[in-house]
Amino acid sequence: RLGDHPVGVARQTFVQRAQLDPLSPGAQPATVDRTLPVLIWYPAARGGRGIVYHAAMTGEDGRDVPFDLPGIAAADAAPAAGHFPLVILAHGYGNAPEALAWLGENLASKGYVVVAPAFRDPAISIRTAAARAGPITRRPLDIAFVAQEAQRRARAGTGPLSVADAARTALIGYSMGGYGVLTVAGAPLNPALGPATRGILTPYAAGGSRIGALAVPDLKAVVS
């Protein structure tokens, strides 16, 4: 059952500078700026016309299959007054945040601000080592960054995140996203993931020098 709040939805883009790219060609991963589109669902001051989400997921032949999904959220609606817990919602391999609108909208109607990044995984039909390394490498790094950046924007009073309470943050993850949120919540990575991720996760694995970089301050709950 939905909650009492009307729901708004907005799109933003988070950019993490100078990240090692497991999908890049060459002997060593290239350093690039990592761009993550995000959907933000939030309690709105008033209702409006429901959005129709347009997205795509990769089919078994490697080609994208577009879909439309009607929602109840009003695009760019004014946020409701108050401060609401912040939820980071992480989809699974090959999925899209729009496919989790049923949950993002529902949580927003109950008084949560939900941030769902689009991880843009390589097609599951691609069998190269780099493609396999991509989601395993980036999920925990992306989730930690998105959570930290959403908290920063909440404290800065930016856009719909201005009504998010960074001091009450939760993580929800499905499938590959579940692995990511568990890792960010403190589950140690096996050092054997180092070679499988072109060395990128080695500093973040058990005994590594950068484990603390994956930590999310004020983390209150995890659903994996």
C-alpha atoms as a PDB file:
ATOM      1  CA  ARG A   1       0.000   0.000   0.000  1.00  0.00           C
ATOM      2  CA  LEU A   2       1.234   3.497  -0.828  1.00  0.00           C
ATOM      3  CA  GLY A   3       1.967   6.047   1.864  1.00  0.00           C
ATOM      4  CA  ASP A   4       0.379   9.461   2.340  1.00  0.00           C
ATOM      5  CA  HIS A   5       2.843  11.614   0.378  1.00  0.00           C
ATOM      6  CA  PRO A   6       2.482  12.569  -3.273  1.00  0.00           C
ATOM      7  CA  VAL A   7       5.636  11.553  -5.153  1.00  0.00           C
ATOM      8  CA  GLY A   8       8.045  13.575  -7.255  1.00  0.00           C
ATOM      9  CA  VAL A   9      10.849  12.330  -9.467  1.00  0.00           C
ATOM     10  CA  ALA A  10      13.911  14.090 -10.859  1.00  0.00           C
ATOM     11  CA  ARG A  11      16.948  13.171 -12.904  1.00  0.00           C
ATOM     12  CA  GLN A  12      20.475  14.242 -12.036  1.00  0.00           C
ATOM     13  CA  THR A  13      23.985  13.245 -13.065  1.00  0.00           C
ATOM     14  CA  PHE A  14      26.755  12.435 -10.606  1.00  0.00           C
ATOM     15  CA  VAL A  15      30.355  12.550 -11.886  1.00  0.00           C
ATOM     16  CA  GLN A  16      33.254  10.883 -10.064  1.00  0.00           C
ATOM     17  CA  ARG A  17      36.565  12.194 -11.301  1.00  0.00           C
ATOM     18  CA  ALA A  18      39.658  10.165 -12.229  1.00  0.00           C
ATOM     19  CA  GLN A  19      38.418   6.597 -11.899  1.00  0.00           C
ATOM     20  CA  LEU A  20      40.122   3.479 -13.226  1.00  0.00           C
ATOM     21  CA  ASP A  21      37.942   1.954 -15.942  1.00  0.00           C
ATOM     22  CA  PRO A  22      37.873  -1.870 -15.940  1.00  0.00           C
ATOM     23  CA  LEU A  23      36.260  -1.850 -19.403  1.00  0.00           C
ATOM     24  CA  SER A  24      39.021   0.128 -21.109  1.00  0.00           C
ATOM     25  CA  PRO A  25      41.341  -1.650 -23.592  1.00  0.00           C
ATOM     26  CA  GLY A  26      45.058  -1.960 -23.093  1.00  0.00           C
ATOM     27  CA  ALA A  27      47.350  -3.587 -20.590  1.00  0.00           C
ATOM     28  CA  GLN A  28      46.399  -1.134 -17.834  1.00  0.00           C
ATOM     29  CA  PRO A  29      42.946   0.321 -17.075  1.00  0.00           C
ATOM     30  CA  ALA A  30      42.556   3.886 -18.287  1.00  0.00           C
ATOM     31  CA  THR A  31      41.695   6.737 -15.930  1.00  0.00           C
ATOM     32  CA  VAL A  32      38.373   8.389 -16.827  1.00  0.00           C
ATOM     33  CA  ASP A  33      35.623  10.459 -15.269  1.00  0.00           C
ATOM     34  CA  ARG A  34      32.827   8.101 -14.230  1.00  0.00           C
ATOM     35  CA  THR A  35      29.394   9.538 -15.105  1.00  0.00           C
ATOM     36  CA  LEU A  36      26.329   8.073 -13.396  1.00  0.00           C
ATOM     37  CA  PRO A  37      22.789   9.201 -14.263  1.00  0.00           C
ATOM     38  CA  VAL A  38      20.503   8.923 -11.228  1.00  0.00           C
ATOM     39  CA  LEU A  39      16.765   8.892 -10.651  1.00  0.00           C
ATOM     40  CA  ILE A  40      15.591  10.578  -7.453  1.00  0.00           C
ATOM     41  CA  TRP A  41      12.163   9.856  -5.974  1.00  0.00           C
ATOM     42  CA  TYR A  42      11.030  12.048  -3.097  1.00  0.00           C
ATOM     43  CA  PRO A  43       7.949  13.145  -1.147  1.00  0.00           C
ATOM     44  CA  ALA A  44       6.310  15.986  -3.078  1.00  0.00           C
ATOM     45  CA  ALA A  45       4.374  18.995  -1.842  1.00  0.00           C
ATOM     46  CA  ARG A  46       1.462  18.094  -4.119  1.00  0.00           C
ATOM     47  CA  GLY A  47       0.550  15.510  -6.696  1.00  0.00           C
ATOM     48  CA  GLY A  48       0.686  15.835 -10.453  1.00  0.00           C
ATOM     49  CA  ARG A  49       0.501  13.906 -13.667  1.00  0.00           C
ATOM     50  CA  GLY A  50       2.318  10.599 -13.398  1.00  0.00           C
ATOM     51  CA  ILE A  51       5.463  10.153 -15.460  1.00  0.00           C
ATOM     52  CA  VAL A  52       5.988   7.479 -18.090  1.00  0.00           C
ATOM     53  CA  TYR A  53       9.496   6.062 -17.729  1.00  0.00           C
ATOM     54  CA  HIS A  54      11.412   5.277 -20.925  1.00  0.00           C
ATOM     55  CA  ALA A  55      14.373   2.926 -20.528  1.00  0.00           C
ATOM     56  CA  ALA A  56      15.984  -0.199 -21.935  1.00  0.00           C
ATOM     57  CA  MET A  57      17.606  -3.403 -20.740  1.00  0.00           C
ATOM     58  CA  THR A  58      19.965  -5.606 -22.691  1.00  0.00           C
ATOM     59  CA  GLY A  59      18.447  -8.648 -24.366  1.00  0.00           C
ATOM     60  CA  GLU A  60      20.114 -12.038 -24.708  1.00  0.00           C
ATOM     61  CA  ASP A  61      21.410 -11.104 -28.155  1.00  0.00           C
ATOM     62  CA  GLY A  62      23.259  -8.098 -26.717  1.00  0.00           C
ATOM     63  CA  ARG A  63      20.881  -5.532 -28.160  1.00  0.00           C
ATOM     64  CA  ASP A  64      18.933  -3.132 -25.966  1.00  0.00           C
ATOM     65  CA  VAL A  65      15.213  -3.811 -25.545  1.00  0.00           C
ATOM     66  CA  PRO A  66      13.361  -0.553 -24.829  1.00  0.00           C
ATOM     67  CA  PHE A  67      10.363  -0.409 -22.535  1.00  0.00           C
ATOM     68  CA  ASP A  68       7.881   2.145 -21.237  1.00  0.00           C
ATOM     69  CA  LEU A  69       6.606   2.010 -17.678  1.00  0.00           C
ATOM     70  CA  PRO A  70       3.820   4.240 -16.338  1.00  0.00           C
ATOM     71  CA  GLY A  71       4.445   5.667 -12.880  1.00  0.00           C
ATOM     72  CA  ILE A  72       2.713   7.756 -10.247  1.00  0.00           C
ATOM     73  CA  ALA A  73       5.546  10.269  -9.698  1.00  0.00           C
ATOM     74  CA  ALA A  74       5.272  13.812 -11.053  1.00  0.00           C
ATOM     75  CA  ALA A  75       8.400  14.994 -12.869  1.00  0.00           C
ATOM     76  CA  ASP A  76      10.313  17.747 -11.052  1.00  0.00           C
ATOM     77  CA  ALA A  77       7.511  18.385  -8.550  1.00  0.00           C
ATOM     78  CA  ALA A  78       8.268  20.696  -5.633  1.00  0.00           C
ATOM     79  CA  PRO A  79       9.532  18.684  -2.625  1.00  0.00           C
ATOM     80  CA  ALA A  80       7.436  18.386   0.506  1.00  0.00           C
ATOM     81  CA  ALA A  81       8.509  20.288   3.591  1.00  0.00           C
ATOM     82  CA  GLY A  82      10.621  18.310   6.032  1.00  0.00           C
ATOM     83  CA  HIS A  83      13.686  16.086   6.168  1.00  0.00           C
ATOM     84  CA  PHE A  84      13.345  12.481   5.113  1.00  0.00           C
ATOM     85  CA  PRO A  85      15.728   9.508   5.363  1.00  0.00           C
ATOM     86  CA  LEU A  86      18.008   8.966   2.371  1.00  0.00           C
ATOM     87  CA  VAL A  87      17.938   5.622   0.534  1.00  0.00           C
ATOM     88  CA  ILE A  88      20.403   4.493  -2.145  1.00  0.00           C
ATOM     89  CA  LEU A  89      18.769   1.891  -4.415  1.00  0.00           C
ATOM     90  CA  ALA A  90      21.169  -0.252  -6.471  1.00  0.00           C
ATOM     91  CA  HIS A  91      19.901  -2.386  -9.353  1.00  0.00           C
ATOM     92  CA  GLY A  92      21.294  -5.713 -10.571  1.00  0.00           C
ATOM     93  CA  TYR A  93      23.472  -6.637 -13.542  1.00  0.00           C
ATOM     94  CA  GLY A  94      21.997  -5.351 -16.789  1.00  0.00           C
ATOM     95  CA  ASN A  95      19.026  -3.741 -15.084  1.00  0.00           C
ATOM     96  CA  ALA A  96      17.898  -0.114 -14.960  1.00  0.00           C
ATOM     97  CA  PRO A  97      16.672   2.131 -12.148  1.00  0.00           C
ATOM     98  CA  GLU A  98      13.389   2.690 -13.999  1.00  0.00           C
ATOM     99  CA  ALA A  99      12.582  -1.008 -13.543  1.00  0.00           C
ATOM    100  CA  LEU A 100      12.661  -0.394  -9.773  1.00  0.00           C
ATOM    101  CA  ALA A 101      10.245   2.535  -9.946  1.00  0.00           C
ATOM    102  CA  TRP A 102       7.643   0.395  -8.163  1.00  0.00           C
ATOM    103  CA  LEU A 103       9.858   0.436  -5.075  1.00  0.00           C
ATOM    104  CA  GLY A 104      11.326   3.926  -5.391  1.00  0.00           C
ATOM    105  CA  GLU A 105       7.895   5.519  -5.760  1.00  0.00           C
ATOM    106  CA  ASN A 106       6.441   3.472  -2.922  1.00  0.00           C
ATOM    107  CA  LEU A 107       9.222   4.414  -0.515  1.00  0.00           C
ATOM    108  CA  ALA A 108       8.935   8.084  -1.468  1.00  0.00           C
ATOM    109  CA  SER A 109       5.210   7.985  -0.726  1.00  0.00           C
ATOM    110  CA  LYS A 110       6.117   6.782   2.773  1.00  0.00           C
ATOM    111  CA  GLY A 111       8.581   9.572   3.467  1.00  0.00           C
ATOM    112  CA  TYR A 112      11.958   8.587   1.991  1.00  0.00           C
ATOM    113  CA  VAL A 113      14.226  10.232  -0.577  1.00  0.00           C
ATOM    114  CA  VAL A 114      15.433   7.475  -2.916  1.00  0.00           C
ATOM    115  CA  VAL A 115      18.467   7.808  -5.194  1.00  0.00           C
ATOM    116  CA  ALA A 116      18.834   5.102  -7.865  1.00  0.00           C
ATOM    117  CA  PRO A 117      21.925   5.224 -10.113  1.00  0.00           C
ATOM    118  CA  ALA A 118      22.092   3.736 -13.602  1.00  0.00           C
ATOM    119  CA  PHE A 119      25.276   1.647 -13.631  1.00  0.00           C
ATOM    120  CA  ARG A 120      25.150   0.994 -17.390  1.00  0.00           C
ATOM    121  CA  ASP A 121      26.618  -2.505 -17.315  1.00  0.00           C
ATOM    122  CA  PRO A 122      28.054  -4.134 -20.432  1.00  0.00           C
ATOM    123  CA  ALA A 123      25.706  -6.562 -22.162  1.00  0.00           C
ATOM    124  CA  ILE A 124      25.591  -9.867 -20.313  1.00  0.00           C
ATOM    125  CA  SER A 125      26.195 -11.633 -23.633  1.00  0.00           C
ATOM    126  CA  ILE A 126      29.706 -10.126 -23.845  1.00  0.00           C
ATOM    127  CA  ARG A 127      32.072 -12.786 -22.514  1.00  0.00           C
ATOM    128  CA  THR A 128      35.367 -10.890 -22.317  1.00  0.00           C
ATOM    129  CA  ALA A 129      37.357 -10.651 -19.088  1.00  0.00           C
ATOM    130  CA  ALA A 130      36.933  -6.870 -19.079  1.00  0.00           C
ATOM    131  CA  ALA A 131      33.137  -7.160 -19.345  1.00  0.00           C
ATOM    132  CA  ARG A 132      33.064  -9.637 -16.467  1.00  0.00           C
ATOM    133  CA  ALA A 133      35.271  -7.348 -14.404  1.00  0.00           C
ATOM    134  CA  GLY A 134      33.172  -4.253 -15.020  1.00  0.00           C
ATOM    135  CA  PRO A 135      30.155  -4.745 -12.724  1.00  0.00           C
ATOM    136  CA  ILE A 136      32.130  -6.605 -10.044  1.00  0.00           C
ATOM    137  CA  THR A 137      34.647  -3.768  -9.921  1.00  0.00           C
ATOM    138  CA  ARG A 138      32.376  -0.771 -10.125  1.00  0.00           C
ATOM    139  CA  ARG A 139      29.340  -1.758  -8.020  1.00  0.00           C
ATOM    140  CA  PRO A 140      30.813  -1.108  -4.566  1.00  0.00           C
ATOM    141  CA  LEU A 141      32.829   1.889  -5.796  1.00  0.00           C
ATOM    142  CA  ASP A 142      29.767   3.418  -7.495  1.00  0.00           C
ATOM    143  CA  ILE A 143      27.435   2.804  -4.554  1.00  0.00           C
ATOM    144  CA  ALA A 144      29.858   4.335  -2.063  1.00  0.00           C
ATOM    145  CA  PHE A 145      30.364   7.367  -4.296  1.00  0.00           C
ATOM    146  CA  VAL A 146      26.644   7.875  -4.983  1.00  0.00           C
ATOM    147  CA  ALA A 147      25.818   7.625  -1.280  1.00  0.00           C
ATOM    148  CA  GLN A 148      28.548  10.075  -0.313  1.00  0.00           C
ATOM    149  CA  GLU A 149      27.649  12.499  -3.115  1.00  0.00           C
ATOM    150  CA  ALA A 150      23.930  12.336  -2.287  1.00  0.00           C
ATOM    151  CA  GLN A 151      24.769  13.083   1.346  1.00  0.00           C
ATOM    152  CA  ARG A 152      26.913  16.029   0.267  1.00  0.00           C
ATOM    153  CA  ARG A 153      24.137  17.463  -1.915  1.00  0.00           C
ATOM    154  CA  ALA A 154      21.616  16.932   0.869  1.00  0.00           C
ATOM    155  CA  ARG A 155      23.752  18.918   3.302  1.00  0.00           C
ATOM    156  CA  ALA A 156      24.260  21.612   0.659  1.00  0.00           C
ATOM    157  CA  GLY A 157      20.508  21.913   0.149  1.00  0.00           C
ATOM    158  CA  THR A 158      20.635  21.101  -3.566  1.00  0.00           C
ATOM    159  CA  GLY A 159      17.422  20.406  -5.514  1.00  0.00           C
ATOM    160  CA  PRO A 160      15.166  17.541  -4.374  1.00  0.00           C
ATOM    161  CA  LEU A 161      17.996  16.240  -2.204  1.00  0.00           C
ATOM    162  CA  SER A 162      17.566  19.343  -0.040  1.00  0.00           C
ATOM    163  CA  VAL A 163      14.846  17.467   1.871  1.00  0.00           C
ATOM    164  CA  ALA A 164      16.999  14.351   2.414  1.00  0.00           C
ATOM    165  CA  ASP A 165      18.442  13.724   5.864  1.00  0.00           C
ATOM    166  CA  ALA A 166      22.048  12.645   5.287  1.00  0.00           C
ATOM    167  CA  ALA A 167      22.328  11.567   8.917  1.00  0.00           C
ATOM    168  CA  ARG A 168      19.817   8.763   8.234  1.00  0.00           C
ATOM    169  CA  THR A 169      21.057   6.806   5.229  1.00  0.00           C
ATOM    170  CA  ALA A 170      20.099   3.308   4.083  1.00  0.00           C
ATOM    171  CA  LEU A 171      21.282   1.078   1.227  1.00  0.00           C
ATOM    172  CA  ILE A 172      19.119  -1.309  -0.806  1.00  0.00           C
ATOM    173  CA  GLY A 173      20.638  -3.595  -3.428  1.00  0.00           C
ATOM    174  CA  TYR A 174      19.392  -6.329  -5.737  1.00  0.00           C
ATOM    175  CA  SER A 175      21.626  -9.092  -7.126  1.00  0.00           C
ATOM    176  CA  MET A 176      24.861  -7.377  -8.224  1.00  0.00           C
ATOM    177  CA  GLY A 177      23.605  -4.367  -6.301  1.00  0.00           C
ATOM    178  CA  GLY A 178      23.200  -6.588  -3.246  1.00  0.00           C
ATOM    179  CA  TYR A 179      26.871  -7.529  -3.448  1.00  0.00           C
ATOM    180  CA  GLY A 180      27.691  -3.838  -3.730  1.00  0.00           C
ATOM    181  CA  VAL A 181      25.690  -2.680  -0.722  1.00  0.00           C
ATOM    182  CA  LEU A 182      27.044  -5.466   1.475  1.00  0.00           C
ATOM    183  CA  THR A 183      30.583  -4.477   0.557  1.00  0.00           C
ATOM    184  CA  VAL A 184      29.926  -0.800   1.253  1.00  0.00           C
ATOM    185  CA  ALA A 185      28.336  -1.772   4.577  1.00  0.00           C
ATOM    186  CA  GLY A 186      31.593  -3.442   5.640  1.00  0.00           C
ATOM    187  CA  ALA A 187      31.623  -6.986   4.269  1.00  0.00           C
ATOM    188  CA  PRO A 188      35.297  -7.602   3.395  1.00  0.00           C
ATOM    189  CA  LEU A 189      36.273  -8.249  -0.201  1.00  0.00           C
ATOM    190  CA  ASN A 190      38.350 -11.354  -0.852  1.00  0.00           C
ATOM    191  CA  PRO A 191      41.819 -10.303  -2.107  1.00  0.00           C
ATOM    192  CA  ALA A 192      41.326 -12.863  -4.917  1.00  0.00           C
ATOM    193  CA  LEU A 193      39.000 -10.293  -6.510  1.00  0.00           C
ATOM    194  CA  GLY A 194      42.073  -8.178  -7.241  1.00  0.00           C
ATOM    195  CA  PRO A 195      43.205 -10.041 -10.378  1.00  0.00           C
ATOM    196  CA  ALA A 196      39.575 -10.547 -11.449  1.00  0.00           C
ATOM    197  CA  THR A 197      39.076  -6.765 -11.431  1.00  0.00           C
ATOM    198  CA  ARG A 198      42.316  -5.850 -13.238  1.00  0.00           C
ATOM    199  CA  GLY A 199      43.811  -4.902  -9.886  1.00  0.00           C
ATOM    200  CA  ILE A 200      41.330  -2.090  -9.289  1.00  0.00           C
ATOM    201  CA  LEU A 201      39.738  -3.598  -6.171  1.00  0.00           C
ATOM    202  CA  THR A 202      43.029  -4.733  -4.617  1.00  0.00           C
ATOM    203  CA  PRO A 203      43.398  -1.629  -2.406  1.00  0.00           C
ATOM    204  CA  TYR A 204      39.796  -2.052  -1.206  1.00  0.00           C
ATOM    205  CA  ALA A 205      40.057  -5.770  -0.374  1.00  0.00           C
ATOM    206  CA  ALA A 206      40.794  -7.199   3.050  1.00  0.00           C
ATOM    207  CA  GLY A 207      44.167  -5.883   4.205  1.00  0.00           C
ATOM    208  CA  GLY A 208      44.202  -3.162   1.523  1.00  0.00           C
ATOM    209  CA  SER A 209      45.065   0.476   2.053  1.00  0.00           C
ATOM    210  CA  ARG A 210      41.768   1.998   0.878  1.00  0.00           C
ATOM    211  CA  ILE A 211      39.110  -0.046   2.673  1.00  0.00           C
ATOM    212  CA  GLY A 212      37.890   3.060   4.459  1.00  0.00           C
ATOM    213  CA  ALA A 213      37.095   4.799   1.158  1.00  0.00           C
ATOM    214  CA  LEU A 214      34.074   2.537   0.714  1.00  0.00           C
ATOM    215  CA  ALA A 215      32.526   3.538   4.037  1.00  0.00           C
ATOM    216  CA  VAL A 216      29.312   5.566   4.057  1.00  0.00           C
ATOM    217  CA  PRO A 217      28.892   7.853   7.080  1.00  0.00           C
ATOM    218  CA  ASP A 218      25.639   7.691   9.074  1.00  0.00           C
ATOM    219  CA  LEU A 219      24.611   4.377   7.533  1.00  0.00           C
ATOM    220  CA  LYS A 220      21.607   3.095   9.505  1.00  0.00           C
ATOM    221  CA  ALA A 221      20.226   0.146   7.512  1.00  0.00           C
ATOM    222  CA  VAL A 222      21.065  -2.240   4.674  1.00  0.00           C
ATOM    223  CA  VAL A 223      18.673  -4.403   2.654  1.00  0.00           C
ATOM    224  CA  SER A 224      20.433  -6.817   0.315  1.00  0.00           C
END
